Every structure is written in structure tokens, then in C-alpha cells.
N, C-alpha and C. Protein backbone atom coordinates (compact mmCIF):
# COMPACT_ATOMS: atom_id res chain seq x y z
N UNK A 1 52.48 110.19 90.94
CA UNK A 1 53.53 110.58 91.84
C UNK A 1 54.62 111.34 91.10
N UNK A 2 54.94 110.86 89.89
CA UNK A 2 55.98 111.49 89.09
C UNK A 2 55.57 112.91 88.71
N UNK A 3 54.30 113.10 88.35
CA UNK A 3 53.80 114.43 88.00
C UNK A 3 53.87 115.35 89.22
N UNK A 4 53.54 114.82 90.38
CA UNK A 4 53.60 115.61 91.61
C UNK A 4 55.03 116.07 91.89
N UNK A 5 56.01 115.17 91.77
CA UNK A 5 57.41 115.54 92.01
C UNK A 5 57.90 116.56 90.99
N UNK A 6 57.51 116.36 89.72
CA UNK A 6 57.91 117.32 88.67
C UNK A 6 57.33 118.69 88.98
N UNK A 7 56.05 118.74 89.34
CA UNK A 7 55.41 120.01 89.67
C UNK A 7 56.07 120.65 90.88
N UNK A 8 56.42 119.84 91.87
CA UNK A 8 57.07 120.35 93.07
C UNK A 8 58.45 120.93 92.75
N UNK A 9 59.19 120.26 91.89
CA UNK A 9 60.53 120.75 91.50
C UNK A 9 60.41 122.06 90.73
N UNK A 10 59.47 122.11 89.78
CA UNK A 10 59.28 123.34 88.99
C UNK A 10 58.86 124.48 89.90
N UNK A 11 57.89 124.23 90.78
CA UNK A 11 57.42 125.25 91.70
C UNK A 11 58.56 125.72 92.61
N UNK A 12 59.32 124.79 93.14
CA UNK A 12 60.46 125.14 94.01
C UNK A 12 61.49 125.98 93.27
N UNK A 13 61.75 125.63 92.01
CA UNK A 13 62.70 126.41 91.21
C UNK A 13 62.20 127.83 91.00
N UNK A 14 60.91 127.98 90.73
CA UNK A 14 60.34 129.31 90.55
C UNK A 14 60.44 130.13 91.83
N UNK A 15 60.09 129.53 92.94
CA UNK A 15 60.16 130.23 94.22
C UNK A 15 61.60 130.63 94.52
N UNK A 16 62.54 129.71 94.30
CA UNK A 16 63.95 130.00 94.55
C UNK A 16 64.45 131.14 93.68
N UNK A 17 64.12 131.12 92.38
CA UNK A 17 64.59 132.18 91.49
C UNK A 17 63.98 133.52 91.83
N UNK A 18 62.72 133.53 92.28
CA UNK A 18 62.07 134.78 92.64
C UNK A 18 62.66 135.35 93.93
N UNK A 19 62.95 134.52 94.90
CA UNK A 19 63.47 135.02 96.17
C UNK A 19 64.93 135.41 96.06
N UNK A 20 65.66 134.86 95.10
CA UNK A 20 67.06 135.22 94.95
C UNK A 20 67.30 136.29 93.91
N UNK A 21 66.25 136.76 93.27
CA UNK A 21 66.41 137.82 92.27
C UNK A 21 66.87 139.08 92.97
N UNK A 22 67.86 139.72 92.39
CA UNK A 22 68.38 140.95 92.96
C UNK A 22 67.39 142.07 92.69
N UNK A 23 66.93 142.75 93.73
CA UNK A 23 65.99 143.84 93.56
C UNK A 23 66.76 145.12 93.30
N UNK A 24 66.94 145.43 92.04
CA UNK A 24 67.60 146.67 91.70
C UNK A 24 66.66 147.57 90.91
N UNK A 25 65.35 147.50 91.25
CA UNK A 25 64.36 148.29 90.53
C UNK A 25 64.64 149.78 90.65
N UNK A 26 65.25 150.19 91.75
CA UNK A 26 65.53 151.61 91.92
C UNK A 26 66.76 152.05 91.11
N UNK A 27 67.45 151.10 90.51
CA UNK A 27 68.61 151.44 89.69
C UNK A 27 68.34 151.21 88.20
N UNK A 28 67.07 151.13 87.83
CA UNK A 28 66.68 150.88 86.44
C UNK A 28 67.11 152.05 85.57
N UNK A 29 67.61 151.73 84.38
CA UNK A 29 67.94 152.78 83.43
C UNK A 29 66.67 153.49 83.00
N UNK A 30 66.74 154.78 82.86
CA UNK A 30 65.58 155.57 82.48
C UNK A 30 65.48 155.73 80.97
N UNK A 31 64.28 155.82 80.49
CA UNK A 31 64.02 156.11 79.09
C UNK A 31 62.98 157.20 79.05
N UNK A 32 63.12 158.16 78.13
CA UNK A 32 62.13 159.22 78.03
C UNK A 32 60.90 158.71 77.30
N UNK A 33 59.72 159.11 77.79
CA UNK A 33 58.49 158.74 77.10
C UNK A 33 58.20 159.76 76.01
N UNK A 34 57.04 159.66 75.39
CA UNK A 34 56.71 160.54 74.27
C UNK A 34 56.66 162.01 74.65
N UNK A 35 56.48 162.32 75.93
CA UNK A 35 56.42 163.70 76.38
C UNK A 35 57.79 164.23 76.82
N UNK A 36 58.82 163.40 76.73
CA UNK A 36 60.15 163.81 77.13
C UNK A 36 60.44 163.62 78.61
N UNK A 37 59.48 163.08 79.37
CA UNK A 37 59.70 162.86 80.79
C UNK A 37 60.30 161.49 81.02
N UNK A 38 60.97 161.35 82.13
CA UNK A 38 61.63 160.11 82.48
C UNK A 38 60.60 159.10 82.98
N UNK A 39 60.72 157.87 82.49
CA UNK A 39 59.90 156.78 83.00
C UNK A 39 60.82 155.86 83.79
N UNK A 40 60.42 155.50 84.98
CA UNK A 40 61.20 154.56 85.77
C UNK A 40 60.29 153.76 86.66
N UNK A 41 60.84 152.73 87.21
CA UNK A 41 60.08 151.87 88.09
C UNK A 41 59.86 152.62 89.39
N UNK A 42 58.60 152.89 89.71
CA UNK A 42 58.29 153.68 90.89
C UNK A 42 57.87 152.80 92.05
N UNK A 43 58.41 151.60 92.12
CA UNK A 43 58.12 150.67 93.20
C UNK A 43 58.42 151.34 94.53
N UNK A 44 57.41 151.39 95.37
CA UNK A 44 57.52 151.96 96.71
C UNK A 44 58.00 153.41 96.71
N UNK A 45 57.47 154.21 95.77
CA UNK A 45 57.79 155.63 95.71
C UNK A 45 56.52 156.43 95.44
N UNK A 46 56.51 157.67 95.90
CA UNK A 46 55.42 158.60 95.65
C UNK A 46 55.95 159.83 94.95
N UNK A 47 55.16 160.42 94.09
CA UNK A 47 55.55 161.66 93.43
C UNK A 47 55.14 162.84 94.30
N UNK A 48 56.05 163.78 94.45
CA UNK A 48 55.73 165.02 95.17
C UNK A 48 56.05 166.20 94.25
N UNK A 49 55.32 167.27 94.45
CA UNK A 49 55.54 168.51 93.70
C UNK A 49 56.12 169.55 94.65
N UNK A 50 57.01 170.37 94.11
CA UNK A 50 57.62 171.43 94.91
C UNK A 50 57.08 172.80 94.52
N UNK A 51 55.97 172.83 93.78
CA UNK A 51 55.37 174.09 93.35
C UNK A 51 55.02 174.98 94.55
N UNK A 52 54.54 174.40 95.63
CA UNK A 52 54.18 175.18 96.82
C UNK A 52 55.41 175.74 97.54
N UNK A 53 56.59 175.32 97.09
CA UNK A 53 57.84 175.78 97.70
C UNK A 53 58.67 176.60 96.70
N UNK A 54 57.99 177.23 95.76
CA UNK A 54 58.61 178.12 94.77
C UNK A 54 59.61 177.42 93.87
N UNK A 55 59.36 176.16 93.55
CA UNK A 55 60.22 175.42 92.63
C UNK A 55 59.34 174.62 91.68
N UNK A 56 59.51 174.83 90.40
CA UNK A 56 58.70 174.17 89.38
C UNK A 56 59.26 172.79 89.07
N UNK A 57 59.24 171.92 90.08
CA UNK A 57 59.83 170.59 89.95
C UNK A 57 58.96 169.57 90.68
N UNK A 58 58.87 168.38 90.11
CA UNK A 58 58.28 167.26 90.83
C UNK A 58 59.27 166.10 90.74
N UNK A 59 59.19 165.22 91.71
CA UNK A 59 60.09 164.07 91.74
C UNK A 59 59.48 162.96 92.58
N UNK A 60 60.06 161.77 92.40
CA UNK A 60 59.62 160.60 93.15
C UNK A 60 60.49 160.46 94.40
N UNK A 61 59.84 160.20 95.52
CA UNK A 61 60.58 159.98 96.76
C UNK A 61 60.17 158.63 97.34
N UNK A 62 61.07 157.98 98.08
CA UNK A 62 60.74 156.66 98.62
C UNK A 62 59.67 156.74 99.71
N UNK A 63 58.90 155.68 99.81
CA UNK A 63 57.95 155.53 100.91
C UNK A 63 58.72 154.89 102.05
N UNK A 64 58.82 155.59 103.15
CA UNK A 64 59.57 155.11 104.30
C UNK A 64 58.60 154.95 105.46
N UNK A 65 58.65 153.80 106.09
CA UNK A 65 57.75 153.51 107.20
C UNK A 65 58.41 153.69 108.55
N UNK A 66 57.62 154.04 109.53
CA UNK A 66 58.13 154.15 110.90
C UNK A 66 58.11 152.77 111.54
N UNK A 67 58.59 152.68 112.75
CA UNK A 67 58.60 151.40 113.47
C UNK A 67 57.19 150.87 113.70
N UNK A 68 56.22 151.78 113.76
CA UNK A 68 54.83 151.35 113.96
C UNK A 68 54.13 150.98 112.66
N UNK A 69 54.83 151.18 111.54
CA UNK A 69 54.27 150.80 110.24
C UNK A 69 53.58 151.93 109.51
N UNK A 70 53.52 153.12 110.09
CA UNK A 70 52.91 154.24 109.41
C UNK A 70 53.93 154.90 108.49
N UNK A 71 53.43 155.51 107.43
CA UNK A 71 54.32 156.17 106.46
C UNK A 71 54.84 157.47 107.02
N UNK A 72 56.15 157.70 106.86
CA UNK A 72 56.77 158.96 107.26
C UNK A 72 56.68 159.90 106.06
N UNK A 73 56.00 161.01 106.23
CA UNK A 73 55.81 161.98 105.15
C UNK A 73 57.08 162.79 104.94
N UNK A 74 57.37 163.14 103.68
CA UNK A 74 58.54 163.99 103.42
C UNK A 74 58.38 165.37 104.05
N UNK A 75 59.46 165.86 104.60
CA UNK A 75 59.50 167.22 105.15
C UNK A 75 60.30 168.06 104.16
N UNK A 76 59.71 169.14 103.67
CA UNK A 76 60.38 170.01 102.72
C UNK A 76 60.64 171.34 103.41
N UNK A 77 61.91 171.72 103.42
CA UNK A 77 62.32 172.95 104.09
C UNK A 77 62.86 173.90 103.03
N UNK A 78 62.29 175.11 103.00
CA UNK A 78 62.75 176.14 102.07
C UNK A 78 62.35 177.50 102.61
N UNK A 79 63.28 178.41 102.66
CA UNK A 79 62.99 179.79 103.05
C UNK A 79 62.74 180.60 101.79
N UNK A 80 61.68 181.42 101.81
CA UNK A 80 61.36 182.26 100.65
C UNK A 80 62.58 183.04 100.20
N UNK A 81 62.83 183.00 98.89
CA UNK A 81 63.93 183.74 98.31
C UNK A 81 65.27 183.02 98.39
N UNK A 82 65.34 181.91 99.10
CA UNK A 82 66.59 181.17 99.24
C UNK A 82 66.80 180.26 98.03
N UNK A 83 68.02 179.85 97.79
CA UNK A 83 68.35 179.00 96.65
C UNK A 83 68.50 177.53 97.05
N UNK A 84 68.14 177.18 98.29
CA UNK A 84 68.26 175.81 98.78
C UNK A 84 66.91 175.24 99.20
N UNK A 85 66.73 173.95 98.91
CA UNK A 85 65.58 173.19 99.36
C UNK A 85 66.12 171.92 100.01
N UNK A 86 65.50 171.48 101.08
CA UNK A 86 65.89 170.25 101.77
C UNK A 86 64.69 169.33 101.81
N UNK A 87 64.88 168.10 101.34
CA UNK A 87 63.83 167.09 101.43
C UNK A 87 64.33 166.03 102.40
N UNK A 88 63.65 165.92 103.52
CA UNK A 88 64.03 164.97 104.57
C UNK A 88 62.90 163.97 104.77
N UNK A 89 63.27 162.70 104.81
CA UNK A 89 62.31 161.65 105.11
C UNK A 89 62.96 160.73 106.13
N UNK A 90 62.41 160.72 107.31
CA UNK A 90 62.97 159.86 108.35
C UNK A 90 64.34 160.33 108.80
N UNK A 91 65.08 159.39 109.35
CA UNK A 91 66.37 159.69 109.98
C UNK A 91 67.54 159.84 108.99
N UNK A 92 67.45 159.19 107.82
CA UNK A 92 68.63 159.13 106.95
C UNK A 92 68.49 159.77 105.58
N UNK A 93 67.28 159.88 105.05
CA UNK A 93 67.11 160.42 103.70
C UNK A 93 67.08 161.94 103.77
N UNK A 94 68.18 162.57 103.34
CA UNK A 94 68.31 164.02 103.36
C UNK A 94 68.87 164.47 102.01
N UNK A 95 67.99 164.91 101.13
CA UNK A 95 68.37 165.35 99.79
C UNK A 95 68.38 166.87 99.76
N UNK A 96 69.42 167.43 99.16
CA UNK A 96 69.56 168.88 99.04
C UNK A 96 69.38 169.25 97.57
N UNK A 97 68.60 170.30 97.33
CA UNK A 97 68.43 170.85 95.98
C UNK A 97 68.97 172.27 96.01
N UNK A 98 69.85 172.59 95.05
CA UNK A 98 70.44 173.92 94.96
C UNK A 98 70.13 174.53 93.60
N UNK A 99 69.75 175.79 93.59
CA UNK A 99 69.48 176.53 92.36
C UNK A 99 70.77 177.21 91.92
N UNK A 100 71.30 176.76 90.77
CA UNK A 100 72.53 177.34 90.23
C UNK A 100 72.25 178.28 89.06
N UNK A 101 71.00 178.64 88.84
CA UNK A 101 70.58 179.59 87.80
C UNK A 101 71.17 179.22 86.44
N UNK A 102 72.07 180.01 85.91
CA UNK A 102 72.63 179.78 84.58
C UNK A 102 74.04 179.16 84.63
N UNK A 103 74.43 178.65 85.80
CA UNK A 103 75.70 177.93 85.93
C UNK A 103 75.46 176.46 85.61
N UNK A 104 76.09 175.97 84.54
CA UNK A 104 75.86 174.60 84.10
C UNK A 104 77.11 173.75 84.30
N UNK A 105 77.01 172.47 83.97
CA UNK A 105 78.12 171.50 84.08
C UNK A 105 78.65 171.38 85.51
N UNK A 106 77.75 171.40 86.47
CA UNK A 106 78.15 171.31 87.87
C UNK A 106 78.66 169.91 88.24
N UNK A 107 78.19 168.86 87.55
CA UNK A 107 78.69 167.51 87.84
C UNK A 107 80.18 167.44 87.48
N UNK A 108 80.56 168.02 86.36
CA UNK A 108 81.97 168.05 85.95
C UNK A 108 82.80 168.79 87.00
N UNK A 109 82.29 169.91 87.47
CA UNK A 109 82.98 170.69 88.51
C UNK A 109 83.12 169.87 89.80
N UNK A 110 82.06 169.15 90.16
CA UNK A 110 82.10 168.32 91.37
C UNK A 110 83.12 167.20 91.24
N UNK A 111 83.21 166.59 90.05
CA UNK A 111 84.20 165.52 89.85
C UNK A 111 85.62 166.06 89.98
N UNK A 112 85.87 167.28 89.53
CA UNK A 112 87.19 167.89 89.69
C UNK A 112 87.49 168.13 91.16
N UNK A 113 86.47 168.57 91.92
CA UNK A 113 86.65 168.79 93.35
C UNK A 113 86.98 167.48 94.07
N UNK A 114 86.30 166.42 93.67
CA UNK A 114 86.55 165.09 94.26
C UNK A 114 87.96 164.62 93.92
N UNK A 115 88.36 164.78 92.66
CA UNK A 115 89.69 164.35 92.22
C UNK A 115 90.81 165.10 92.95
N UNK A 116 90.55 166.34 93.31
CA UNK A 116 91.56 167.14 94.01
C UNK A 116 91.82 166.61 95.42
N UNK A 117 90.95 165.75 95.93
CA UNK A 117 91.13 165.19 97.28
C UNK A 117 91.62 163.75 97.24
N UNK A 118 92.29 163.36 96.15
CA UNK A 118 92.74 161.98 96.00
C UNK A 118 93.78 161.57 97.04
N UNK A 119 94.46 162.54 97.67
CA UNK A 119 95.41 162.21 98.72
C UNK A 119 94.73 161.93 100.07
N UNK A 120 93.40 162.15 100.13
CA UNK A 120 92.64 161.90 101.35
C UNK A 120 91.66 160.74 101.16
N UNK A 121 90.98 160.72 99.99
CA UNK A 121 89.93 159.74 99.74
C UNK A 121 90.22 158.87 98.54
N UNK A 122 89.77 157.63 98.63
CA UNK A 122 89.71 156.75 97.47
C UNK A 122 88.25 156.75 97.04
N UNK A 123 87.99 157.03 95.77
CA UNK A 123 86.62 157.12 95.26
C UNK A 123 86.40 156.06 94.19
N UNK A 124 85.27 155.38 94.30
CA UNK A 124 84.86 154.38 93.31
C UNK A 124 83.50 154.81 92.77
N UNK A 125 83.45 155.14 91.48
CA UNK A 125 82.19 155.57 90.86
C UNK A 125 81.33 154.35 90.52
N UNK A 126 80.09 154.39 90.97
CA UNK A 126 79.11 153.35 90.66
C UNK A 126 78.33 153.78 89.42
N UNK A 127 77.96 155.05 89.37
CA UNK A 127 77.37 155.69 88.18
C UNK A 127 78.21 156.91 87.89
N UNK A 128 78.63 157.05 86.65
CA UNK A 128 79.47 158.17 86.24
C UNK A 128 78.96 158.68 84.89
N UNK A 129 78.11 159.69 84.95
CA UNK A 129 77.51 160.27 83.74
C UNK A 129 77.72 161.77 83.75
N UNK A 130 77.41 162.40 82.62
CA UNK A 130 77.56 163.85 82.51
C UNK A 130 76.67 164.61 83.49
N UNK A 131 75.49 164.04 83.80
CA UNK A 131 74.55 164.76 84.65
C UNK A 131 74.29 164.08 86.00
N UNK A 132 75.02 162.99 86.30
CA UNK A 132 74.78 162.26 87.55
C UNK A 132 75.99 161.41 87.92
N UNK A 133 76.38 161.53 89.19
CA UNK A 133 77.41 160.63 89.73
C UNK A 133 76.88 160.03 91.03
N UNK A 134 77.24 158.78 91.24
CA UNK A 134 76.92 158.02 92.45
C UNK A 134 78.21 157.30 92.78
N UNK A 135 78.76 157.55 93.97
CA UNK A 135 80.07 157.00 94.26
C UNK A 135 80.22 156.59 95.72
N UNK A 136 81.19 155.70 95.90
CA UNK A 136 81.59 155.21 97.22
C UNK A 136 82.89 155.92 97.56
N UNK A 137 82.98 156.42 98.79
CA UNK A 137 84.18 157.14 99.21
C UNK A 137 84.74 156.52 100.48
N UNK A 138 86.05 156.28 100.48
CA UNK A 138 86.76 155.75 101.65
C UNK A 138 87.95 156.64 101.96
N UNK A 139 88.22 156.82 103.24
CA UNK A 139 89.48 157.44 103.61
C UNK A 139 90.59 156.48 103.19
N UNK A 140 91.73 157.00 102.85
CA UNK A 140 92.85 156.13 102.49
C UNK A 140 93.18 155.21 103.65
N UNK A 141 93.79 154.08 103.36
CA UNK A 141 94.01 153.00 104.33
C UNK A 141 94.66 153.46 105.63
N UNK A 142 95.60 154.35 105.55
CA UNK A 142 96.31 154.77 106.76
C UNK A 142 95.52 155.77 107.60
N UNK A 143 94.33 156.17 107.14
CA UNK A 143 93.55 157.17 107.87
C UNK A 143 92.31 156.58 108.54
N UNK A 144 92.04 155.30 108.33
CA UNK A 144 90.89 154.66 108.97
C UNK A 144 89.57 155.14 108.41
N UNK A 145 88.52 154.93 109.18
CA UNK A 145 87.21 155.39 108.75
C UNK A 145 86.41 154.33 108.04
N UNK A 146 85.18 154.67 107.72
CA UNK A 146 84.27 153.75 107.05
C UNK A 146 83.89 154.28 105.68
N UNK A 147 83.30 153.42 104.88
CA UNK A 147 82.83 153.81 103.56
C UNK A 147 81.57 154.64 103.69
N UNK A 148 81.48 155.67 102.86
CA UNK A 148 80.24 156.43 102.75
C UNK A 148 79.88 156.50 101.26
N UNK A 149 78.60 156.70 101.00
CA UNK A 149 78.11 156.78 99.63
C UNK A 149 77.52 158.16 99.41
N UNK A 150 77.66 158.65 98.16
CA UNK A 150 77.26 160.01 97.83
C UNK A 150 76.65 160.04 96.43
N UNK A 151 75.81 161.04 96.18
CA UNK A 151 75.31 161.25 94.83
C UNK A 151 75.22 162.74 94.55
N UNK A 152 75.28 163.06 93.26
CA UNK A 152 75.29 164.46 92.83
C UNK A 152 74.78 164.48 91.39
N UNK A 153 73.68 165.15 91.16
CA UNK A 153 73.13 165.21 89.81
C UNK A 153 72.61 166.60 89.51
N UNK A 154 72.36 166.85 88.24
CA UNK A 154 71.82 168.14 87.86
C UNK A 154 70.74 167.99 86.80
N UNK A 155 69.81 168.95 86.80
CA UNK A 155 68.71 168.97 85.85
C UNK A 155 68.41 170.41 85.48
N UNK A 156 68.06 170.62 84.22
CA UNK A 156 67.65 171.95 83.75
C UNK A 156 66.13 171.99 83.66
N UNK A 157 65.59 173.04 84.25
CA UNK A 157 64.15 173.28 84.17
C UNK A 157 63.95 174.76 83.85
N UNK A 158 63.19 175.02 82.81
CA UNK A 158 62.90 176.39 82.37
C UNK A 158 64.17 177.21 82.16
N UNK A 159 65.24 176.56 81.67
CA UNK A 159 66.49 177.26 81.38
C UNK A 159 67.40 177.47 82.58
N UNK A 160 67.01 176.97 83.74
CA UNK A 160 67.81 177.12 84.95
C UNK A 160 68.35 175.76 85.38
N UNK A 161 69.53 175.77 86.00
CA UNK A 161 70.18 174.54 86.42
C UNK A 161 70.00 174.30 87.92
N UNK A 162 69.61 173.08 88.25
CA UNK A 162 69.43 172.68 89.65
C UNK A 162 70.29 171.47 89.94
N UNK A 163 70.97 171.51 91.07
CA UNK A 163 71.77 170.38 91.54
C UNK A 163 70.97 169.68 92.63
N UNK A 164 70.88 168.36 92.53
CA UNK A 164 70.26 167.53 93.56
C UNK A 164 71.35 166.62 94.09
N UNK A 165 71.56 166.63 95.40
CA UNK A 165 72.71 165.90 95.95
C UNK A 165 72.43 165.39 97.35
N UNK A 166 73.26 164.44 97.75
CA UNK A 166 73.24 163.98 99.14
C UNK A 166 73.97 165.02 99.99
N UNK A 167 73.81 164.90 101.29
CA UNK A 167 74.56 165.78 102.18
C UNK A 167 76.05 165.49 102.04
N UNK A 168 76.88 166.44 102.42
CA UNK A 168 78.33 166.29 102.29
C UNK A 168 78.86 165.06 103.02
N UNK A 169 78.23 164.69 104.14
CA UNK A 169 78.70 163.54 104.93
C UNK A 169 78.30 162.21 104.30
N UNK A 170 77.41 162.22 103.30
CA UNK A 170 77.00 160.98 102.65
C UNK A 170 76.05 160.18 103.52
N UNK A 171 75.83 158.93 103.12
CA UNK A 171 74.93 158.05 103.86
C UNK A 171 75.20 156.61 103.48
N UNK A 172 74.28 155.73 103.85
CA UNK A 172 74.39 154.31 103.53
C UNK A 172 74.01 154.07 102.08
N UNK A 173 74.55 153.01 101.49
CA UNK A 173 74.32 152.72 100.08
C UNK A 173 72.84 152.64 99.69
N UNK A 174 71.97 151.92 100.42
CA UNK A 174 70.56 151.85 100.00
C UNK A 174 69.87 153.22 100.02
N UNK A 175 70.24 154.07 100.96
CA UNK A 175 69.65 155.42 101.03
C UNK A 175 70.06 156.23 99.81
N UNK A 176 71.35 156.17 99.47
CA UNK A 176 71.84 156.93 98.31
C UNK A 176 71.27 156.35 97.02
N UNK A 177 71.07 155.05 96.94
CA UNK A 177 70.42 154.46 95.76
C UNK A 177 69.01 155.03 95.59
N UNK A 178 68.28 155.19 96.69
CA UNK A 178 66.97 155.81 96.62
C UNK A 178 67.07 157.26 96.15
N UNK A 179 68.10 157.97 96.61
CA UNK A 179 68.30 159.35 96.17
C UNK A 179 68.61 159.41 94.68
N UNK A 180 69.38 158.45 94.19
CA UNK A 180 69.69 158.40 92.75
C UNK A 180 68.40 158.24 91.96
N UNK A 181 67.51 157.38 92.41
CA UNK A 181 66.21 157.22 91.75
C UNK A 181 65.43 158.52 91.80
N UNK A 182 65.46 159.20 92.94
CA UNK A 182 64.78 160.49 93.07
C UNK A 182 65.36 161.50 92.09
N UNK A 183 66.68 161.57 91.99
CA UNK A 183 67.32 162.50 91.07
C UNK A 183 66.93 162.18 89.63
N UNK A 184 66.95 160.90 89.27
CA UNK A 184 66.60 160.49 87.91
C UNK A 184 65.15 160.84 87.59
N UNK A 185 64.29 160.89 88.59
CA UNK A 185 62.87 161.14 88.35
C UNK A 185 62.52 162.61 88.27
N UNK A 186 63.44 163.49 88.65
CA UNK A 186 63.15 164.93 88.70
C UNK A 186 62.75 165.45 87.32
N UNK A 187 61.71 166.27 87.30
CA UNK A 187 61.21 166.84 86.04
C UNK A 187 60.43 168.12 86.35
N UNK A 188 60.13 168.83 85.31
CA UNK A 188 59.30 170.02 85.42
C UNK A 188 57.91 169.59 85.86
N UNK A 189 57.35 170.31 86.84
CA UNK A 189 56.00 169.99 87.29
C UNK A 189 55.00 170.27 86.20
N UNK A 190 54.00 169.41 86.10
CA UNK A 190 52.91 169.62 85.17
C UNK A 190 51.77 170.21 85.98
N UNK A 191 51.42 171.44 85.68
CA UNK A 191 50.40 172.15 86.49
C UNK A 191 49.02 171.67 86.15
């Protein structure tokens, strides 16, 4: 009986610790592998290539299911010759990719733009790096409104700079966390 109770307590503790573990796999720090590419936890993500859309980039995007349980495929919108790409998955995941050619340090420029609006918004940075920011934005107390989350990152591929960002209106925190993982995963496509 004593062995049974001990086993039950140990098993219960394991179950409790597993169910209460914070799932932050999408916020894992990245490390470059031997080929220089980013390795990250790709739990519930698929890799897509943008080669068919005139962009030498691949990235991981979240697997999003519909109400019926079927996977919603990413929609990629790009007009030939344009400098913008839109990756839409479902109702809320809307990532924008912009080609800035030889214009670099766009995250620094974006942070200056955000700081210039300090009389309108209170901003709290969740991730603040040279090539990636993830932040929470609130209207100041006397202006009402709700919190929105935003991300903005950049990557160089073949000597050109690309910005990957959320829409200007932002989104919910879990959606933006998925976008941050997508941005961190961006790399040159391997043909």
C-alpha cells in the first residue's frame, strides 16, 4: 500500500508539473547551427519558401486550424515587381515583408518613430534587440483604448535588407509571439 501511495504521489507530481509548465517554445532563444542558419523549436509550425513569389527567403509559419479542424494554408500575396509581400493565415495572422534594398538599421529607425509618439502611447518592450523588437502598446491613461502587441524585425539576404513586421494596428499577444518566431526563423532559401 505504501509503494502504491508513493507511486501515486510521484505520478501526480509529474502530471502536475507537466500541465503547469509554461509553453514558451515559440519564444526560445535561437542559436545558429553549423551552416549559419537559425535553429528553433518548430512545434506546430511548417516551413514555407517564398521563391515562387520572387523572394529568396524561407521561414516557419504557425499551423492554424479552422473550426472544423482542417489546417488553414498560408495565403501569400505579392504583385510582380512590388517591394511588399503579405503572409496571411486565418483571421489574425497578417505578416508584412518589405524590401528595403540597401537601407539598413530599420529597427533602430522604427524605435525612434515609436519614441516620438510617447505623448500618445506607452510602450513596453518584451524583446528589444538590434534586429528585432516585440512590444506592447497602450494609449495613455486619459485616452482609453486597449493593449495591442507589435513586432518588427529585419534580416539581410544576398546583401539586401528585408523588414518583417506585424500590421500597423497590431494584434493579440499570442499571434505576435508566433510572428516573432516566424521572424526569427527567416533565412535564405536553400534551392
